[in-house]
PDB file of N, CA and C in Angstrom:
ATOM      1  N   MET A   1     108.075 -90.451  -3.027  1.00  0.00           N
ATOM      2  CA  MET A   1     107.148 -89.836  -3.952  1.00  0.00           C
ATOM      3  C   MET A   1     106.853 -90.811  -5.102  1.00  0.00           C
ATOM      4  N   GLU A   2     105.576 -90.982  -5.388  1.00  0.00           N
ATOM      5  CA  GLU A   2     105.180 -91.916  -6.443  1.00  0.00           C
ATOM      6  C   GLU A   2     105.355 -91.297  -7.820  1.00  0.00           C
ATOM      7  N   GLN A   3     105.751 -92.112  -8.758  1.00  0.00           N
ATOM      8  CA  GLN A   3     105.871 -91.674 -10.144  1.00  0.00           C
ATOM      9  C   GLN A   3     104.503 -91.780 -10.810  1.00  0.00           C
ATOM     10  N   THR A   4     104.173 -90.791 -11.593  1.00  0.00           N
ATOM     11  CA  THR A   4     102.926 -90.824 -12.338  1.00  0.00           C
ATOM     12  C   THR A   4     103.233 -91.203 -13.774  1.00  0.00           C
ATOM     13  N   GLU A   5     102.498 -92.171 -14.287  1.00  0.00           N
ATOM     14  CA  GLU A   5     102.671 -92.596 -15.668  1.00  0.00           C
ATOM     15  C   GLU A   5     101.510 -92.045 -16.488  1.00  0.00           C
ATOM     16  N   PHE A   6     101.850 -91.334 -17.554  1.00  0.00           N
ATOM     17  CA  PHE A   6     100.829 -90.790 -18.427  1.00  0.00           C
ATOM     18  C   PHE A   6     100.606 -91.752 -19.584  1.00  0.00           C
ATOM     19  N   ILE A   7      99.353 -92.028 -19.866  1.00  0.00           N
ATOM     20  CA  ILE A   7      99.003 -92.856 -21.008  1.00  0.00           C
ATOM     21  C   ILE A   7      98.275 -91.946 -21.993  1.00  0.00           C
ATOM     22  N   GLU A   8      98.848 -91.834 -23.180  1.00  0.00           N
ATOM     23  CA  GLU A   8      98.246 -90.975 -24.186  1.00  0.00           C
ATOM     24  C   GLU A   8      97.123 -91.739 -24.885  1.00  0.00           C
ATOM     25  N   LYS A   9      95.974 -91.096 -24.968  1.00  0.00           N
ATOM     26  CA  LYS A   9      94.815 -91.698 -25.634  1.00  0.00           C
ATOM     27  C   LYS A   9      94.454 -90.820 -26.817  1.00  0.00           C
ATOM     28  N   ASN A  10      93.840 -91.444 -27.782  1.00  0.00           N
ATOM     29  CA  ASN A  10      93.455 -90.752 -28.996  1.00  0.00           C
ATOM     30  C   ASN A  10      92.056 -91.220 -29.381  1.00  0.00           C
ATOM     31  N   ILE A  11      91.341 -90.393 -30.102  1.00  0.00           N
ATOM     32  CA  ILE A  11      90.037 -90.817 -30.602  1.00  0.00           C
ATOM     33  C   ILE A  11      90.270 -91.913 -31.636  1.00  0.00           C
ATOM     34  N   GLY A  12      89.532 -92.975 -31.498  1.00  0.00           N
ATOM     35  CA  GLY A  12      89.645 -94.081 -32.438  1.00  0.00           C
ATOM     36  C   GLY A  12      88.312 -94.783 -32.553  1.00  0.00           C
ATOM     37  N   TYR A  13      88.366 -95.992 -33.036  1.00  0.00           N
ATOM     38  CA  TYR A  13      87.141 -96.741 -33.296  1.00  0.00           C
ATOM     39  C   TYR A  13      87.289 -98.185 -32.841  1.00  0.00           C
ATOM     40  N   LYS A  14      86.162 -98.760 -32.471  1.00  0.00           N
ATOM     41  CA  LYS A  14      86.062-100.207 -32.300  1.00  0.00           C
ATOM     42  C   LYS A  14      85.422-100.683 -33.599  1.00  0.00           C
ATOM     43  N   VAL A  15      86.143-101.528 -34.341  1.00  0.00           N
ATOM     44  CA  VAL A  15      85.722-101.909 -35.686  1.00  0.00           C
ATOM     45  C   VAL A  15      85.688-103.429 -35.817  1.00  0.00           C
ATOM     46  N   LYS A  16      84.653-103.934 -36.463  1.00  0.00           N
ATOM     47  CA  LYS A  16      84.577-105.363 -36.782  1.00  0.00           C
ATOM     48  C   LYS A  16      84.963-105.524 -38.246  1.00  0.00           C
ATOM     49  N   ILE A  17      86.010-106.307 -38.494  1.00  0.00           N
ATOM     50  CA  ILE A  17      86.525-106.544 -39.842  1.00  0.00           C
ATOM     51  C   ILE A  17      86.213-107.983 -40.228  1.00  0.00           C
ATOM     52  N   CYS A  18      85.641-108.169 -41.391  1.00  0.00           N
ATOM     53  CA  CYS A  18      85.293-109.497 -41.877  1.00  0.00           C
ATOM     54  C   CYS A  18      86.282-109.885 -42.982  1.00  0.00           C
ATOM     55  N   ILE A  19      86.975-111.012 -42.786  1.00  0.00           N
ATOM     56  CA  ILE A  19      87.972-111.482 -43.749  1.00  0.00           C
ATOM     57  C   ILE A  19      87.792-112.981 -44.001  1.00  0.00           C
ATOM     58  N   GLU A  20      88.426-113.467 -45.046  1.00  0.00           N
ATOM     59  CA  GLU A  20      88.416-114.899 -45.336  1.00  0.00           C
ATOM     60  C   GLU A  20      89.431-115.591 -44.430  1.00  0.00           C
ATOM     61  N   TYR A  21      89.250-116.881 -44.218  1.00  0.00           N
ATOM     62  CA  TYR A  21      90.112-117.651 -43.313  1.00  0.00           C
ATOM     63  C   TYR A  21      91.590-117.548 -43.680  1.00  0.00           C
ATOM     64  N   ASP A  22      91.899-117.579 -44.969  1.00  0.00           N
ATOM     65  CA  ASP A  22      93.316-117.571 -45.372  1.00  0.00           C
ATOM     66  C   ASP A  22      93.979-116.207 -45.221  1.00  0.00           C
ATOM     67  N   LYS A  23      93.240-115.181 -44.821  1.00  0.00           N
ATOM     68  CA  LYS A  23      93.800-113.835 -44.627  1.00  0.00           C
ATOM     69  C   LYS A  23      94.046-113.502 -43.167  1.00  0.00           C
ATOM     70  N   LEU A  24      93.701-114.410 -42.250  1.00  0.00           N
ATOM     71  CA  LEU A  24      93.816-114.116 -40.814  1.00  0.00           C
ATOM     72  C   LEU A  24      95.253-113.833 -40.393  1.00  0.00           C
ATOM     73  N   GLU A  25      96.189-114.677 -40.783  1.00  0.00           N
ATOM     74  CA  GLU A  25      97.582-114.469 -40.366  1.00  0.00           C
ATOM     75  C   GLU A  25      98.133-113.157 -40.927  1.00  0.00           C
ATOM     76  N   GLN A  26      97.740-112.819 -42.137  1.00  0.00           N
ATOM     77  CA  GLN A  26      98.166-111.561 -42.753  1.00  0.00           C
ATOM     78  C   GLN A  26      97.618-110.369 -41.958  1.00  0.00           C
ATOM     79  N   LEU A  27      96.358-110.446 -41.543  1.00  0.00           N
ATOM     80  CA  LEU A  27      95.763-109.378 -40.734  1.00  0.00           C
ATOM     81  C   LEU A  27      96.433-109.289 -39.369  1.00  0.00           C
ATOM     82  N   LYS A  28      96.714-110.442 -38.728  1.00  0.00           N
ATOM     83  CA  LYS A  28      97.389-110.443 -37.429  1.00  0.00           C
ATOM     84  C   LYS A  28      98.770-109.803 -37.539  1.00  0.00           C
ATOM     85  N   TYR A  29      99.490-110.129 -38.598  1.00  0.00           N
ATOM     86  CA  TYR A  29     100.824-109.559 -38.820  1.00  0.00           C
ATOM     87  C   TYR A  29     100.728-108.040 -38.975  1.00  0.00           C
ATOM     88  N   TYR A  30      99.783-107.590 -39.790  1.00  0.00           N
ATOM     89  CA  TYR A  30      99.605-106.158 -40.017  1.00  0.00           C
ATOM     90  C   TYR A  30      99.219-105.453 -38.714  1.00  0.00           C
ATOM     91  N   ALA A  31      98.320-106.059 -37.944  1.00  0.00           N
ATOM     92  CA  ALA A  31      97.872-105.466 -36.683  1.00  0.00           C
ATOM     93  C   ALA A  31      99.047-105.337 -35.714  1.00  0.00           C
ATOM     94  N   ASN A  32      99.856-106.362 -35.620  1.00  0.00           N
ATOM     95  CA  ASN A  32     101.016-106.331 -34.734  1.00  0.00           C
ATOM     96  C   ASN A  32     102.013-105.258 -35.179  1.00  0.00           C
ATOM     97  N   LYS A  33     102.279-105.204 -36.469  1.00  0.00           N
ATOM     98  CA  LYS A  33     103.234-104.240 -37.020  1.00  0.00           C
ATOM     99  C   LYS A  33     102.776-102.798 -36.799  1.00  0.00           C
ATOM    100  N   CYS A  34     101.477-102.563 -36.912  1.00  0.00           N
ATOM    101  CA  CYS A  34     100.934-101.198 -36.822  1.00  0.00           C
ATOM    102  C   CYS A  34     100.345-100.886 -35.450  1.00  0.00           C
ATOM    103  N   LYS A  35     100.559-101.767 -34.484  1.00  0.00           N
ATOM    104  CA  LYS A  35     100.059-101.575 -33.114  1.00  0.00           C
ATOM    105  C   LYS A  35      98.541-101.373 -33.078  1.00  0.00           C
ATOM    106  N   ILE A  36      97.842-102.216 -33.817  1.00  0.00           N
ATOM    107  CA  ILE A  36      96.380-102.241 -33.797  1.00  0.00           C
ATOM    108  C   ILE A  36      95.978-103.347 -32.827  1.00  0.00           C
ATOM    109  N   LYS A  37      95.144-103.010 -31.851  1.00  0.00           N
ATOM    110  CA  LYS A  37      94.777-103.966 -30.808  1.00  0.00           C
ATOM    111  C   LYS A  37      93.624-104.859 -31.273  1.00  0.00           C
ATOM    112  N   ILE A  38      93.887-106.172 -31.316  1.00  0.00           N
ATOM    113  CA  ILE A  38      92.836-107.140 -31.633  1.00  0.00           C
ATOM    114  C   ILE A  38      92.122-107.484 -30.332  1.00  0.00           C
ATOM    115  N   ILE A  39      90.819-107.256 -30.303  1.00  0.00           N
ATOM    116  CA  ILE A  39      90.017-107.497 -29.108  1.00  0.00           C
ATOM    117  C   ILE A  39      89.403-108.894 -29.124  1.00  0.00           C
ATOM    118  N   ASN A  40      88.915-109.324 -30.297  1.00  0.00           N
ATOM    119  CA  ASN A  40      88.194-110.587 -30.379  1.00  0.00           C
ATOM    120  C   ASN A  40      88.280-111.142 -31.799  1.00  0.00           C
ATOM    121  N   ILE A  41      88.283-112.469 -31.903  1.00  0.00           N
ATOM    122  CA  ILE A  41      88.234-113.144 -33.195  1.00  0.00           C
ATOM    123  C   ILE A  41      87.116-114.173 -33.130  1.00  0.00           C
ATOM    124  N   GLU A  42      86.169-114.092 -34.091  1.00  0.00           N
ATOM    125  CA  GLU A  42      85.076-115.054 -34.168  1.00  0.00           C
ATOM    126  C   GLU A  42      85.206-115.839 -35.462  1.00  0.00           C
ATOM    127  N   TYR A  43      85.145-117.161 -35.338  1.00  0.00           N
ATOM    128  CA  TYR A  43      85.268-118.043 -36.494  1.00  0.00           C
ATOM    129  C   TYR A  43      83.870-118.454 -36.944  1.00  0.00           C
ATOM    130  N   LEU A  44      83.358-117.753 -37.934  1.00  0.00           N
ATOM    131  CA  LEU A  44      82.029-118.021 -38.473  1.00  0.00           C
ATOM    132  C   LEU A  44      82.192-118.463 -39.923  1.00  0.00           C
ATOM    133  N   GLU A  45      81.223-118.132 -40.779  1.00  0.00           N
ATOM    134  CA  GLU A  45      81.364-118.441 -42.208  1.00  0.00           C
ATOM    135  C   GLU A  45      82.647-117.808 -42.736  1.00  0.00           C
ATOM    136  N   ASN A  46      82.874-116.566 -42.346  1.00  0.00           N
ATOM    137  CA  ASN A  46      84.156-115.889 -42.525  1.00  0.00           C
ATOM    138  C   ASN A  46      84.651-115.540 -41.132  1.00  0.00           C
ATOM    139  N   ILE A  47      85.841-114.981 -41.040  1.00  0.00           N
ATOM    140  CA  ILE A  47      86.372-114.611 -39.733  1.00  0.00           C
ATOM    141  C   ILE A  47      86.024-113.152 -39.457  1.00  0.00           C
ATOM    142  N   GLU A  48      85.483-112.889 -38.271  1.00  0.00           N
ATOM    143  CA  GLU A  48      85.180-111.524 -37.842  1.00  0.00           C
ATOM    144  C   GLU A  48      86.160-111.147 -36.741  1.00  0.00           C
ATOM    145  N   VAL A  49      86.971-110.143 -37.028  1.00  0.00           N
ATOM    146  CA  VAL A  49      88.002-109.691 -36.095  1.00  0.00           C
ATOM    147  C   VAL A  49      87.596-108.315 -35.578  1.00  0.00           C
ATOM    148  N   THR A  50      87.474-108.176 -34.261  1.00  0.00           N
ATOM    149  CA  THR A  50      87.155-106.882 -33.661  1.00  0.00           C
ATOM    150  C   THR A  50      88.457-106.251 -33.192  1.00  0.00           C
ATOM    151  N   VAL A  51      88.683-104.999 -33.614  1.00  0.00           N
ATOM    152  CA  VAL A  51      89.925-104.300 -33.297  1.00  0.00           C
ATOM    153  C   VAL A  51      89.625-102.902 -32.764  1.00  0.00           C
ATOM    154  N   GLU A  52      90.616-102.335 -32.061  1.00  0.00           N
ATOM    155  CA  GLU A  52      90.610-100.916 -31.719  1.00  0.00           C
ATOM    156  C   GLU A  52      91.633-100.270 -32.632  1.00  0.00           C
ATOM    157  N   ILE A  53      91.220 -99.233 -33.336  1.00  0.00           N
ATOM    158  CA  ILE A  53      92.055 -98.658 -34.388  1.00  0.00           C
ATOM    159  C   ILE A  53      91.809 -97.154 -34.475  1.00  0.00           C
ATOM    160  N   ASN A  54      92.859 -96.383 -34.779  1.00  0.00           N
ATOM    161  CA  ASN A  54      92.644 -94.946 -34.956  1.00  0.00           C
ATOM    162  C   ASN A  54      92.239 -94.659 -36.396  1.00  0.00           C
ATOM    163  N   LYS A  55      91.802 -93.437 -36.655  1.00  0.00           N
ATOM    164  CA  LYS A  55      91.276 -93.083 -37.982  1.00  0.00           C
ATOM    165  C   LYS A  55      92.316 -93.272 -39.070  1.00  0.00           C
ATOM    166  N   GLN A  56      93.543 -92.872 -38.806  1.00  0.00           N
ATOM    167  CA  GLN A  56      94.605 -92.987 -39.808  1.00  0.00           C
ATOM    168  C   GLN A  56      94.816 -94.447 -40.215  1.00  0.00           C
ATOM    169  N   LYS A  57      94.887 -95.340 -39.230  1.00  0.00           N
ATOM    170  CA  LYS A  57      95.100 -96.766 -39.523  1.00  0.00           C
ATOM    171  C   LYS A  57      93.890 -97.365 -40.242  1.00  0.00           C
ATOM    172  N   LEU A  58      92.681 -96.910 -39.867  1.00  0.00           N
ATOM    173  CA  LEU A  58      91.484 -97.394 -40.543  1.00  0.00           C
ATOM    174  C   LEU A  58      91.518 -96.992 -42.015  1.00  0.00           C
ATOM    175  N   ASP A  59      91.924 -95.757 -42.286  1.00  0.00           N
ATOM    176  CA  ASP A  59      92.064 -95.304 -43.675  1.00  0.00           C
ATOM    177  C   ASP A  59      93.118 -96.138 -44.409  1.00  0.00           C
ATOM    178  N   GLU A  60      94.243 -96.432 -43.730  1.00  0.00           N
ATOM    179  CA  GLU A  60      95.299 -97.238 -44.349  1.00  0.00           C
ATOM    180  C   GLU A  60      94.796 -98.634 -44.679  1.00  0.00           C
ATOM    181  N   ILE A  61      94.057 -99.244 -43.755  1.00  0.00           N
ATOM    182  CA  ILE A  61      93.546-100.598 -43.991  1.00  0.00           C
ATOM    183  C   ILE A  61      92.597-100.600 -45.187  1.00  0.00           C
ATOM    184  N   THR A  62      91.754 -99.583 -45.296  1.00  0.00           N
ATOM    185  CA  THR A  62      90.827 -99.559 -46.424  1.00  0.00           C
ATOM    186  C   THR A  62      91.570 -99.251 -47.721  1.00  0.00           C
ATOM    187  N   ASN A  63      92.636 -98.464 -47.661  1.00  0.00           N
ATOM    188  CA  ASN A  63      93.442 -98.218 -48.859  1.00  0.00           C
ATOM    189  C   ASN A  63      94.200 -99.467 -49.258  1.00  0.00           C
ATOM    190  N   ILE A  64      94.711-100.216 -48.269  1.00  0.00           N
ATOM    191  CA  ILE A  64      95.373-101.489 -48.572  1.00  0.00           C
ATOM    192  C   ILE A  64      94.369-102.406 -49.264  1.00  0.00           C
ATOM    193  N   ASN A  65      93.132-102.370 -48.776  1.00  0.00           N
ATOM    194  CA  ASN A  65      92.094-103.201 -49.368  1.00  0.00           C
ATOM    195  C   ASN A  65      91.907-102.853 -50.847  1.00  0.00           C
ATOM    196  N   ASN A  66      92.000-101.573 -51.179  1.00  0.00           N
ATOM    197  CA  ASN A  66      91.850-101.157 -52.570  1.00  0.00           C
ATOM    198  C   ASN A  66      92.981-101.693 -53.436  1.00  0.00           C
ATOM    199  N   LYS A  67      94.168-101.892 -52.845  1.00  0.00           N
ATOM    200  CA  LYS A  67      95.314-102.424 -53.589  1.00  0.00           C
ATOM    201  C   LYS A  67      95.283-103.945 -53.646  1.00  0.00           C
ATOM    202  N   LYS A  68      94.306-104.551 -52.992  1.00  0.00           N
ATOM    203  CA  LYS A  68      94.088-105.997 -53.011  1.00  0.00           C
ATOM    204  C   LYS A  68      95.167-106.819 -52.308  1.00  0.00           C
ATOM    205  N   THR A  69      96.002-106.204 -51.469  1.00  0.00           N
ATOM    206  CA  THR A  69      96.990-106.998 -50.737  1.00  0.00           C
ATOM    207  C   THR A  69      96.365-107.645 -49.498  1.00  0.00           C
ATOM    208  N   LEU A  70      95.452-106.958 -48.855  1.00  0.00           N
ATOM    209  CA  LEU A  70      94.728-107.511 -47.709  1.00  0.00           C
ATOM    210  C   LEU A  70      93.248-107.384 -48.040  1.00  0.00           C
ATOM    211  N   LYS A  71      92.637-108.482 -48.433  1.00  0.00           N
ATOM    212  CA  LYS A  71      91.254-108.423 -48.893  1.00  0.00           C
ATOM    213  C   LYS A  71      90.299-108.470 -47.705  1.00  0.00           C
ATOM    214  N   ILE A  72      89.674-107.344 -47.445  1.00  0.00           N
ATOM    215  CA  ILE A  72      88.666-107.247 -46.397  1.00  0.00           C
ATOM    216  C   ILE A  72      87.300-107.364 -47.072  1.00  0.00           C
ATOM    217  N   ILE A  73      86.497-108.294 -46.610  1.00  0.00           N
ATOM    218  CA  ILE A  73      85.168-108.486 -47.194  1.00  0.00           C
ATOM    219  C   ILE A  73      84.291-107.283 -46.854  1.00  0.00           C
ATOM    220  N   LYS A  74      84.305-106.909 -45.565  1.00  0.00           N
ATOM    221  CA  LYS A  74      83.571-105.715 -45.133  1.00  0.00           C
ATOM    222  C   LYS A  74      84.077-105.323 -43.752  1.00  0.00           C
ATOM    223  N   TYR A  75      83.754-104.100 -43.358  1.00  0.00           N
ATOM    224  CA  TYR A  75      84.052-103.685 -41.990  1.00  0.00           C
ATOM    225  C   TYR A  75      82.931-102.789 -41.499  1.00  0.00           C
ATOM    226  N   ASP A  76      82.691-102.840 -40.210  1.00  0.00           N
ATOM    227  CA  ASP A  76      81.650-102.031 -39.577  1.00  0.00           C
ATOM    228  C   ASP A  76      82.256-101.314 -38.380  1.00  0.00           C
ATOM    229  N   ILE A  77      82.056 -99.999 -38.318  1.00  0.00           N
ATOM    230  CA  ILE A  77      82.481 -99.232 -37.149  1.00  0.00           C
ATOM    231  C   ILE A  77      81.418 -99.436 -36.075  1.00  0.00           C
ATOM    232  N   LEU A  78      81.813-100.062 -34.969  1.00  0.00           N
ATOM    233  CA  LEU A  78      80.878-100.376 -33.894  1.00  0.00           C
ATOM    234  C   LEU A  78      80.686 -99.190 -32.959  1.00  0.00           C
ATOM    235  N   GLU A  79      81.787 -98.475 -32.670  1.00  0.00           N
ATOM    236  CA  GLU A  79      81.692 -97.303 -31.804  1.00  0.00           C
ATOM    237  C   GLU A  79      82.935 -96.439 -31.931  1.00  0.00           C
ATOM    238  N   GLU A  80      82.763 -95.173 -31.625  1.00  0.00           N
ATOM    239  CA  GLU A  80      83.900 -94.252 -31.531  1.00  0.00           C
ATOM    240  C   GLU A  80      84.295 -94.205 -30.073  1.00  0.00           C
ATOM    241  N   LYS A  81      85.608 -94.290 -29.801  1.00  0.00           N
ATOM    242  CA  LYS A  81      86.042 -94.342 -28.403  1.00  0.00           C
ATOM    243  C   LYS A  81      87.483 -93.874 -28.285  1.00  0.00           C
ATOM    244  N   TYR A  82      87.908 -93.621 -27.050  1.00  0.00           N
ATOM    245  CA  TYR A  82      89.304 -93.302 -26.804  1.00  0.00           C
ATOM    246  C   TYR A  82      90.100 -94.589 -26.773  1.00  0.00           C
ATOM    247  N   ILE A  83      91.231 -94.618 -27.472  1.00  0.00           N
ATOM    248  CA  ILE A  83      92.078 -95.803 -27.508  1.00  0.00           C
ATOM    249  C   ILE A  83      93.503 -95.428 -27.138  1.00  0.00           C
ATOM    250  N   ASP A  84      94.265 -96.408 -26.655  1.00  0.00           N
ATOM    251  CA  ASP A  84      95.679 -96.198 -26.367  1.00  0.00           C
ATOM    252  C   ASP A  84      96.427 -96.079 -27.672  1.00  0.00           C
ATOM    253  N   ILE A  85      97.472 -95.229 -27.663  1.00  0.00           N
ATOM    254  CA  ILE A  85      98.308 -95.132 -28.865  1.00  0.00           C
ATOM    255  C   ILE A  85      99.606 -95.840 -28.638  1.00  0.00           C
TER     256      ILE A  85
END
């Protein structure tokens, strides 16, 4: 008999976060610690990081931004989607 593995999904967002170059490692550390999935990193004038994130974590990131510990230049919600937790 085969074992069935359940994967819990939650409503979340695909978000593009724009940060300065010197904040990339800090964002990667935070993403790893909080289990935020980094999908893509683009090195442009600033760095654009595309992530899958749930609403709670998105709120936390924007609140962290208000405390100036992780300076996010801007972020755009690209789509609402089901994400792994």
